[in-house]
C-alpha atoms as a PDB file:
ATOM      1  CA  MET A   1      30.714  42.950  64.552  1.00  0.00           C
ATOM      2  CA  SER A   2      27.052  43.033  62.994  1.00  0.00           C
ATOM      3  CA  LEU A   3      25.444  46.142  63.487  1.00  0.00           C
ATOM      4  CA  ILE A   4      21.724  44.381  63.551  1.00  0.00           C
ATOM      5  CA  ASP A   5      22.013  41.679  66.642  1.00  0.00           C
ATOM      6  CA  ILE A   6      18.993  38.761  65.327  1.00  0.00           C
ATOM      7  CA  THR A   7      16.989  37.030  68.184  1.00  0.00           C
ATOM      8  CA  ARG A   8      14.257  34.618  66.176  1.00  0.00           C
ATOM      9  CA  THR A   9      11.773  33.395  68.582  1.00  0.00           C
ATOM     10  CA  GLY A  10       9.407  31.148  66.614  1.00  0.00           C
ATOM     11  CA  PRO A  11       7.967  33.122  64.333  1.00  0.00           C
ATOM     12  CA  ILE A  12       9.061  36.407  65.497  1.00  0.00           C
ATOM     13  CA  TRP A  13      12.004  38.254  64.848  1.00  0.00           C
ATOM     14  CA  GLN A  14      14.052  40.740  66.346  1.00  0.00           C
ATOM     15  CA  LEU A  15      16.354  42.982  64.877  1.00  0.00           C
ATOM     16  CA  GLN A  16      18.197  45.010  67.653  1.00  0.00           C
ATOM     17  CA  MET A  17      20.234  47.960  66.543  1.00  0.00           C
ATOM     18  CA  ALA A  18      24.110  47.577  67.589  1.00  0.00           C
ATOM     19  CA  ARG A  19      26.143  50.543  66.983  1.00  0.00           C
ATOM     20  CA  PRO A  20      27.033  51.977  70.607  1.00  0.00           C
ATOM     21  CA  PRO A  21      26.957  54.028  72.277  1.00  0.00           C
ATOM     22  CA  VAL A  22      22.966  55.478  70.711  1.00  0.00           C
ATOM     23  CA  ASN A  23      22.475  53.829  67.064  1.00  0.00           C
ATOM     24  CA  ALA A  24      23.716  56.949  64.901  1.00  0.00           C
ATOM     25  CA  LEU A  25      22.135  56.007  61.601  1.00  0.00           C
ATOM     26  CA  ASN A  26      24.974  56.455  59.070  1.00  0.00           C
ATOM     27  CA  PRO A  27      24.791  54.436  55.982  1.00  0.00           C
ATOM     28  CA  ALA A  28      26.428  51.016  57.292  1.00  0.00           C
ATOM     29  CA  LEU A  29      23.485  50.602  60.101  1.00  0.00           C
ATOM     30  CA  CYS A  30      20.770  51.280  58.211  1.00  0.00           C
ATOM     31  CA  LEU A  31      21.961  49.330  55.202  1.00  0.00           C
ATOM     32  CA  ALA A  32      22.697  46.724  57.378  1.00  0.00           C
ATOM     33  CA  LEU A  33      18.807  47.218  58.807  1.00  0.00           C
ATOM     34  CA  ALA A  34      17.051  47.096  55.712  1.00  0.00           C
ATOM     35  CA  ASP A  35      18.976  43.880  55.045  1.00  0.00           C
ATOM     36  CA  ALA A  36      17.693  43.016  58.359  1.00  0.00           C
ATOM     37  CA  VAL A  37      14.473  43.595  57.337  1.00  0.00           C
ATOM     38  CA  GLU A  38      14.415  41.962  54.035  1.00  0.00           C
ATOM     39  CA  GLN A  39      16.088  38.694  55.308  1.00  0.00           C
ATOM     40  CA  ALA A  40      13.502  38.274  57.863  1.00  0.00           C
ATOM     41  CA  VAL A  41      10.568  38.634  55.774  1.00  0.00           C
ATOM     42  CA  ALA A  42      12.360  36.025  53.158  1.00  0.00           C
ATOM     43  CA  GLU A  43      13.299  33.575  55.338  1.00  0.00           C
ATOM     44  CA  GLY A  44       9.274  33.448  56.862  1.00  0.00           C
ATOM     45  CA  ALA A  45       8.904  35.546  59.860  1.00  0.00           C
ATOM     46  CA  GLY A  46       5.722  36.207  60.724  1.00  0.00           C
ATOM     47  CA  GLY A  47       6.426  39.212  62.813  1.00  0.00           C
ATOM     48  CA  ILE A  48       9.602  42.120  63.849  1.00  0.00           C
ATOM     49  CA  VAL A  49      10.550  43.636  66.480  1.00  0.00           C
ATOM     50  CA  LEU A  50      12.901  47.127  65.935  1.00  0.00           C
ATOM     51  CA  ALA A  51      14.675  47.328  68.940  1.00  0.00           C
ATOM     52  CA  GLY A  52      17.509  49.819  69.998  1.00  0.00           C
ATOM     53  CA  GLY A  53      19.626  50.537  73.068  1.00  0.00           C
ATOM     54  CA  THR A  54      18.565  51.256  76.650  1.00  0.00           C
ATOM     55  CA  LYS A  55      18.222  54.861  77.341  1.00  0.00           C
ATOM     56  CA  VAL A  56      18.507  55.843  73.614  1.00  0.00           C
ATOM     57  CA  PHE A  57      16.508  53.973  70.788  1.00  0.00           C
ATOM     58  CA  SER A  58      18.328  55.493  68.010  1.00  0.00           C
ATOM     59  CA  ALA A  59      19.795  59.164  68.477  1.00  0.00           C
ATOM     60  CA  GLY A  60      18.756  59.820  64.650  1.00  0.00           C
ATOM     61  CA  LEU A  61      20.844  60.366  62.193  1.00  0.00           C
ATOM     62  CA  ASP A  62      24.941  59.980  62.352  1.00  0.00           C
ATOM     63  CA  VAL A  63      25.314  64.016  62.206  1.00  0.00           C
ATOM     64  CA  PRO A  64      29.452  63.814  62.658  1.00  0.00           C
ATOM     65  CA  TYR A  65      29.676  61.368  59.813  1.00  0.00           C
ATOM     66  CA  LEU A  66      27.178  63.574  57.261  1.00  0.00           C
ATOM     67  CA  LEU A  67      28.950  67.391  58.277  1.00  0.00           C
ATOM     68  CA  SER A  68      32.344  65.402  57.073  1.00  0.00           C
ATOM     69  CA  LEU A  69      31.145  64.962  53.720  1.00  0.00           C
ATOM     70  CA  GLY A  70      30.853  68.611  53.571  1.00  0.00           C
ATOM     71  CA  ASP A  71      29.978  69.862  50.456  1.00  0.00           C
ATOM     72  CA  ASP A  72      30.224  66.459  48.629  1.00  0.00           C
ATOM     73  CA  GLN A  73      26.459  66.156  47.268  1.00  0.00           C
ATOM     74  CA  GLU A  74      26.711  62.546  45.731  1.00  0.00           C
ATOM     75  CA  ALA A  75      28.008  61.111  49.044  1.00  0.00           C
ATOM     76  CA  LEU A  76      25.453  63.177  50.665  1.00  0.00           C
ATOM     77  CA  LEU A  77      22.472  61.569  48.343  1.00  0.00           C
ATOM     78  CA  GLN A  78      24.154  58.348  48.921  1.00  0.00           C
ATOM     79  CA  ALA A  79      23.682  58.669  52.798  1.00  0.00           C
ATOM     80  CA  TRP A  80      20.518  59.901  52.917  1.00  0.00           C
ATOM     81  CA  SER A  81      19.798  57.326  50.707  1.00  0.00           C
ATOM     82  CA  ALA A  82      20.548  54.092  52.685  1.00  0.00           C
ATOM     83  CA  PHE A  83      18.529  56.175  55.545  1.00  0.00           C
ATOM     84  CA  PHE A  84      14.906  56.000  53.631  1.00  0.00           C
ATOM     85  CA  ARG A  85      16.247  52.744  52.313  1.00  0.00           C
ATOM     86  CA  ALA A  86      15.549  51.677  56.006  1.00  0.00           C
ATOM     87  CA  ALA A  87      12.545  53.829  56.282  1.00  0.00           C
ATOM     88  CA  ARG A  88      10.867  51.826  53.013  1.00  0.00           C
ATOM     89  CA  ALA A  89      11.676  48.230  53.966  1.00  0.00           C
ATOM     90  CA  LEU A  90      10.008  48.702  57.175  1.00  0.00           C
ATOM     91  CA  ALA A  91       7.120  50.782  56.218  1.00  0.00           C
ATOM     92  CA  ALA A  92       6.837  47.964  53.449  1.00  0.00           C
ATOM     93  CA  SER A  93       7.099  45.321  55.351  1.00  0.00           C
ATOM     94  CA  PRO A  94       4.571  42.489  54.389  1.00  0.00           C
ATOM     95  CA  VAL A  95       4.331  41.226  58.113  1.00  0.00           C
ATOM     96  CA  PRO A  96       3.911  43.457  61.145  1.00  0.00           C
ATOM     97  CA  VAL A  97       6.564  45.653  62.684  1.00  0.00           C
ATOM     98  CA  VAL A  98       6.758  46.581  66.283  1.00  0.00           C
ATOM     99  CA  ALA A  99       8.972  49.371  67.477  1.00  0.00           C
ATOM    100  CA  ALA A 100      10.495  48.527  71.030  1.00  0.00           C
ATOM    101  CA  MET A 101      11.908  51.750  72.005  1.00  0.00           C
ATOM    102  CA  ALA A 102      13.677  51.643  75.645  1.00  0.00           C
ATOM    103  CA  GLY A 103      14.996  55.121  75.415  1.00  0.00           C
ATOM    104  CA  HIS A 104      14.890  58.352  73.199  1.00  0.00           C
ATOM    105  CA  ALA A 105      13.639  58.403  69.498  1.00  0.00           C
ATOM    106  CA  PRO A 106      14.773  61.564  67.965  1.00  0.00           C
ATOM    107  CA  ALA A 107      14.594  63.005  64.320  1.00  0.00           C
ATOM    108  CA  GLY A 108      15.499  59.803  62.178  1.00  0.00           C
ATOM    109  CA  GLY A 109      14.945  56.969  65.107  1.00  0.00           C
ATOM    110  CA  CYS A 110      11.117  58.893  65.381  1.00  0.00           C
ATOM    111  CA  VAL A 111      11.205  58.561  61.757  1.00  0.00           C
ATOM    112  CA  LEU A 112      11.479  54.113  62.275  1.00  0.00           C
ATOM    113  CA  ALA A 113       9.295  54.425  64.778  1.00  0.00           C
ATOM    114  CA  LEU A 114       6.482  55.908  62.604  1.00  0.00           C
ATOM    115  CA  CYS A 115       7.248  53.853  60.128  1.00  0.00           C
ATOM    116  CA  CYS A 116       6.476  50.783  61.949  1.00  0.00           C
ATOM    117  CA  ASP A 117       2.843  49.009  63.017  1.00  0.00           C
ATOM    118  CA  TYR A 118       3.141  49.909  66.796  1.00  0.00           C
ATOM    119  CA  ARG A 119       5.357  52.309  69.182  1.00  0.00           C
ATOM    120  CA  ILE A 120       6.091  50.621  72.602  1.00  0.00           C
ATOM    121  CA  MET A 121       7.865  52.927  74.855  1.00  0.00           C
ATOM    122  CA  ALA A 122       9.791  52.687  78.204  1.00  0.00           C
ATOM    123  CA  ASN A 123       7.941  54.822  80.709  1.00  0.00           C
ATOM    124  CA  GLY A 124       9.956  57.392  81.725  1.00  0.00           C
ATOM    125  CA  PRO A 125      11.756  61.071  81.055  1.00  0.00           C
ATOM    126  CA  PHE A 126      12.491  59.266  77.235  1.00  0.00           C
ATOM    127  CA  ARG A 127      11.364  61.793  74.700  1.00  0.00           C
ATOM    128  CA  ILE A 128      10.759  61.088  70.830  1.00  0.00           C
ATOM    129  CA  GLY A 129       9.629  63.737  68.175  1.00  0.00           C
ATOM    130  CA  LEU A 130      11.052  65.096  64.820  1.00  0.00           C
ATOM    131  CA  ASN A 131      12.934  68.129  66.251  1.00  0.00           C
ATOM    132  CA  GLU A 132      14.411  69.128  62.794  1.00  0.00           C
ATOM    133  CA  THR A 133      13.452  72.629  62.721  1.00  0.00           C
ATOM    134  CA  GLN A 134      16.051  72.751  65.937  1.00  0.00           C
ATOM    135  CA  VAL A 135      18.510  71.557  64.570  1.00  0.00           C
ATOM    136  CA  GLY A 136      18.307  73.358  61.211  1.00  0.00           C
ATOM    137  CA  LEU A 137      16.148  70.764  58.569  1.00  0.00           C
ATOM    138  CA  VAL A 138      13.044  70.775  57.270  1.00  0.00           C
ATOM    139  CA  ALA A 139      11.427  67.659  57.721  1.00  0.00           C
ATOM    140  CA  PRO A 140       9.987  66.615  53.886  1.00  0.00           C
ATOM    141  CA  GLU A 141       6.614  66.597  53.142  1.00  0.00           C
ATOM    142  CA  GLY A 142       6.092  62.496  53.089  1.00  0.00           C
ATOM    143  CA  ILE A 143       7.614  62.368  56.750  1.00  0.00           C
ATOM    144  CA  GLN A 144       5.269  65.157  57.670  1.00  0.00           C
ATOM    145  CA  ALA A 145       2.617  62.800  56.427  1.00  0.00           C
ATOM    146  CA  LEU A 146       3.836  60.064  58.733  1.00  0.00           C
ATOM    147  CA  LEU A 147       3.241  62.331  61.695  1.00  0.00           C
ATOM    148  CA  VAL A 148      -0.256  63.716  61.058  1.00  0.00           C
ATOM    149  CA  ARG A 149      -1.160  59.868  60.803  1.00  0.00           C
ATOM    150  CA  VAL A 150      -0.873  59.144  64.091  1.00  0.00           C
ATOM    151  CA  VAL A 151      -1.574  62.779  65.685  1.00  0.00           C
ATOM    152  CA  GLY A 152      -3.417  64.360  63.690  1.00  0.00           C
ATOM    153  CA  PRO A 153      -2.841  67.473  61.118  1.00  0.00           C
ATOM    154  CA  HIS A 154      -3.298  70.695  63.746  1.00  0.00           C
ATOM    155  CA  ARG A 155      -1.072  68.833  66.784  1.00  0.00           C
ATOM    156  CA  ALA A 156       1.266  67.483  63.727  1.00  0.00           C
ATOM    157  CA  GLU A 157       1.478  70.995  62.603  1.00  0.00           C
ATOM    158  CA  ARG A 158       2.488  72.150  65.648  1.00  0.00           C
ATOM    159  CA  LEU A 159       5.480  69.490  67.024  1.00  0.00           C
ATOM    160  CA  LEU A 160       6.746  69.725  63.215  1.00  0.00           C
ATOM    161  CA  VAL A 161       7.022  73.657  63.273  1.00  0.00           C
ATOM    162  CA  ALA A 162       8.648  74.150  66.765  1.00  0.00           C
ATOM    163  CA  GLY A 163      10.480  70.480  66.439  1.00  0.00           C
ATOM    164  CA  ALA A 164       8.859  69.451  69.801  1.00  0.00           C
ATOM    165  CA  MET A 165      10.070  66.413  71.792  1.00  0.00           C
ATOM    166  CA  PRO A 166       7.278  65.475  74.157  1.00  0.00           C
ATOM    167  CA  GLU A 167       8.200  63.066  77.025  1.00  0.00           C
ATOM    168  CA  ALA A 168       6.780  59.398  77.069  1.00  0.00           C
ATOM    169  CA  ASP A 169       3.839  59.984  78.763  1.00  0.00           C
ATOM    170  CA  GLU A 170       2.402  62.873  76.712  1.00  0.00           C
ATOM    171  CA  ALA A 171       3.761  60.724  73.553  1.00  0.00           C
ATOM    172  CA  LEU A 172       1.397  58.747  75.051  1.00  0.00           C
ATOM    173  CA  ARG A 173      -1.843  60.728  75.569  1.00  0.00           C
ATOM    174  CA  ILE A 174      -1.526  62.467  71.859  1.00  0.00           C
ATOM    175  CA  GLY A 175      -1.037  58.861  69.915  1.00  0.00           C
ATOM    176  CA  LEU A 176       2.487  59.255  69.013  1.00  0.00           C
ATOM    177  CA  VAL A 177       3.087  56.229  71.019  1.00  0.00           C
ATOM    178  CA  ASP A 178       0.534  52.916  71.626  1.00  0.00           C
ATOM    179  CA  GLU A 179       1.463  52.191  74.873  1.00  0.00           C
ATOM    180  CA  LEU A 180       4.372  52.749  77.844  1.00  0.00           C
ATOM    181  CA  THR A 181       5.747  49.787  79.951  1.00  0.00           C
ATOM    182  CA  ASP A 182       8.584  49.320  82.140  1.00  0.00           C
ATOM    183  CA  ILE A 183      11.832  49.741  80.442  1.00  0.00           C
ATOM    184  CA  ASP A 184      12.728  46.081  81.548  1.00  0.00           C
ATOM    185  CA  GLU A 185       9.391  45.116  79.968  1.00  0.00           C
ATOM    186  CA  VAL A 186       9.721  47.027  76.220  1.00  0.00           C
ATOM    187  CA  ASN A 187      11.002  43.865  74.451  1.00  0.00           C
ATOM    188  CA  ALA A 188       8.688  41.338  76.021  1.00  0.00           C
ATOM    189  CA  ARG A 189       5.754  43.704  75.320  1.00  0.00           C
ATOM    190  CA  ALA A 190       6.574  43.736  71.507  1.00  0.00           C
ATOM    191  CA  HIS A 191       6.349  40.080  71.319  1.00  0.00           C
ATOM    192  CA  ALA A 192       3.753  39.800  73.456  1.00  0.00           C
ATOM    193  CA  TRP A 193       1.437  42.283  71.118  1.00  0.00           C
ATOM    194  CA  LEU A 194       3.245  40.528  68.293  1.00  0.00           C
ATOM    195  CA  GLN A 195       2.256  37.118  69.202  1.00  0.00           C
ATOM    196  CA  ALA A 196      -1.336  38.797  69.334  1.00  0.00           C
ATOM    197  CA  LEU A 197      -1.461  39.480  65.848  1.00  0.00           C
ATOM    198  CA  LEU A 198      -0.092  36.352  65.014  1.00  0.00           C
ATOM    199  CA  ASP A 199      -2.685  34.316  66.385  1.00  0.00           C
ATOM    200  CA  LEU A 200      -5.300  35.363  64.070  1.00  0.00           C
ATOM    201  CA  PRO A 201      -6.187  34.347  60.653  1.00  0.00           C
ATOM    202  CA  SER A 202      -3.256  34.642  58.709  1.00  0.00           C
ATOM    203  CA  MET A 203      -4.641  36.086  55.241  1.00  0.00           C
ATOM    204  CA  PRO A 204      -7.284  38.117  56.751  1.00  0.00           C
ATOM    205  CA  MET A 205      -4.615  40.058  59.062  1.00  0.00           C
ATOM    206  CA  ARG A 206      -2.156  40.783  56.726  1.00  0.00           C
ATOM    207  CA  GLU A 207      -4.334  42.061  53.392  1.00  0.00           C
ATOM    208  CA  THR A 208      -6.261  44.331  55.924  1.00  0.00           C
ATOM    209  CA  ARG A 209      -2.966  45.506  57.683  1.00  0.00           C
ATOM    210  CA  ALA A 210      -1.646  46.144  54.169  1.00  0.00           C
ATOM    211  CA  ILE A 211      -4.860  48.144  52.437  1.00  0.00           C
ATOM    212  CA  ALA A 212      -4.545  50.147  56.092  1.00  0.00           C
ATOM    213  CA  ARG A 213      -1.075  50.672  55.644  1.00  0.00           C
ATOM    214  CA  ARG A 214      -0.753  51.608  51.858  1.00  0.00           C
ATOM    215  CA  ASP A 215      -0.780  55.940  53.217  1.00  0.00           C
ATOM    216  CA  VAL A 216       2.293  54.765  54.791  1.00  0.00           C
ATOM    217  CA  VAL A 217       4.168  53.221  51.782  1.00  0.00           C
ATOM    218  CA  ALA A 218       2.771  56.469  49.775  1.00  0.00           C
ATOM    219  CA  ALA A 219       3.908  58.774  52.418  1.00  0.00           C
ATOM    220  CA  LEU A 220       7.974  57.352  51.309  1.00  0.00           C
ATOM    221  CA  ALA A 221       7.651  57.867  47.708  1.00  0.00           C
ATOM    222  CA  PRO A 222      10.499  59.433  46.412  1.00  0.00           C
ATOM    223  CA  GLU A 223       8.298  62.434  44.973  1.00  0.00           C
ATOM    224  CA  ARG A 224       7.059  63.183  48.213  1.00  0.00           C
ATOM    225  CA  ILE A 225      11.179  62.717  49.963  1.00  0.00           C
ATOM    226  CA  ASP A 226      12.512  65.022  47.256  1.00  0.00           C
ATOM    227  CA  LEU A 227      15.500  63.729  48.327  1.00  0.00           C
ATOM    228  CA  GLU A 228      17.710  65.892  45.910  1.00  0.00           C
ATOM    229  CA  ARG A 229      15.787  69.356  47.623  1.00  0.00           C
ATOM    230  CA  PHE A 230      16.532  67.917  50.897  1.00  0.00           C
ATOM    231  CA  VAL A 231      20.109  67.758  50.358  1.00  0.00           C
ATOM    232  CA  ALA A 232      20.468  70.878  48.900  1.00  0.00           C
ATOM    233  CA  GLN A 233      18.994  72.299  51.842  1.00  0.00           C
ATOM    234  CA  TRP A 234      21.359  70.795  53.959  1.00  0.00           C
ATOM    235  CA  ARG A 235      24.000  73.292  53.050  1.00  0.00           C
ATOM    236  CA  HIS A 236      22.035  76.277  53.793  1.00  0.00           C
ATOM    237  CA  PRO A 237      23.921  78.823  56.302  1.00  0.00           C
ATOM    238  CA  ASP A 238      20.891  78.677  58.567  1.00  0.00           C
ATOM    239  CA  THR A 239      20.844  74.801  58.688  1.00  0.00           C
ATOM    240  CA  GLN A 240      24.733  74.558  58.920  1.00  0.00           C
ATOM    241  CA  ALA A 241      25.070  77.282  61.798  1.00  0.00           C
ATOM    242  CA  ALA A 242      22.143  75.054  63.652  1.00  0.00           C
ATOM    243  CA  LEU A 243      23.742  71.680  63.110  1.00  0.00           C
ATOM    244  CA  ARG A 244      27.506  72.510  64.925  1.00  0.00           C
ATOM    245  CA  ALA A 245      25.576  74.626  67.469  1.00  0.00           C
ATOM    246  CA  MET A 246      23.905  71.361  68.271  1.00  0.00           C
ATOM    247  CA  LEU A 247      26.781  69.459  68.344  1.00  0.00           C
ATOM    248  CA  ALA A 248      28.750  71.930  70.375  1.00  0.00           C
ATOM    249  CA  ARG A 249      26.177  71.505  72.746  1.00  0.00           C
ATOM    250  CA  ILE A 250      27.013  67.917  73.158  1.00  0.00           C
ATOM    251  CA  GLY A 251      30.358  67.861  73.252  1.00  0.00           C
ATOM    252  CA  LYS A 252      31.643  66.665  69.535  1.00  0.00           C
END
């Protein structure tokens, strides 16, 4: 069974993560997403809609899987590398990408959305944010830069240090998402937003976009992620205790 459902509507490719129940980002899903983005570009897509599940866009990294790797540093590096391959594929896409979020987008789900050009979220009690500190993690400098880019440095600091996850209306107010709509209209609005861009003269739109998004690509450069340090921190007792407490709360 495919982990990414692909739907083509004219020049727009919709890539829908399909790993129920919450699109937890294990290596297989991350690599499938990166491959799907690259396939869409190679086959001439004009724009991409990144969609997830209803009520949960993506719950972020698959923590039970990561914990199952124990002290296997090489396996942990490979798992996190797969995630950053997906994030970089979205960030570096030469065609515009819109995140269609019909539900919650914590942690890694938020990172994927921040790598997109535009973020549409379902109106309602849905949350988005980088809650890493609440689960014992330190968001790498490059990931923090993605948040700073959209909400500004002081607000990003407050959100990051607290691991805050604002609800949809607050996320819109502070610029973390660009648009709210009814949950049943999220994908349609994403297609409409993309189509409006595709109606512009192609070369000027794409070249202007590439210049404007250089900082997104730069934020995910290896030296700004420092993956080996991040994985080393994964084994810190504070991190392990917080992650296991989180799993206990949600019944995993």
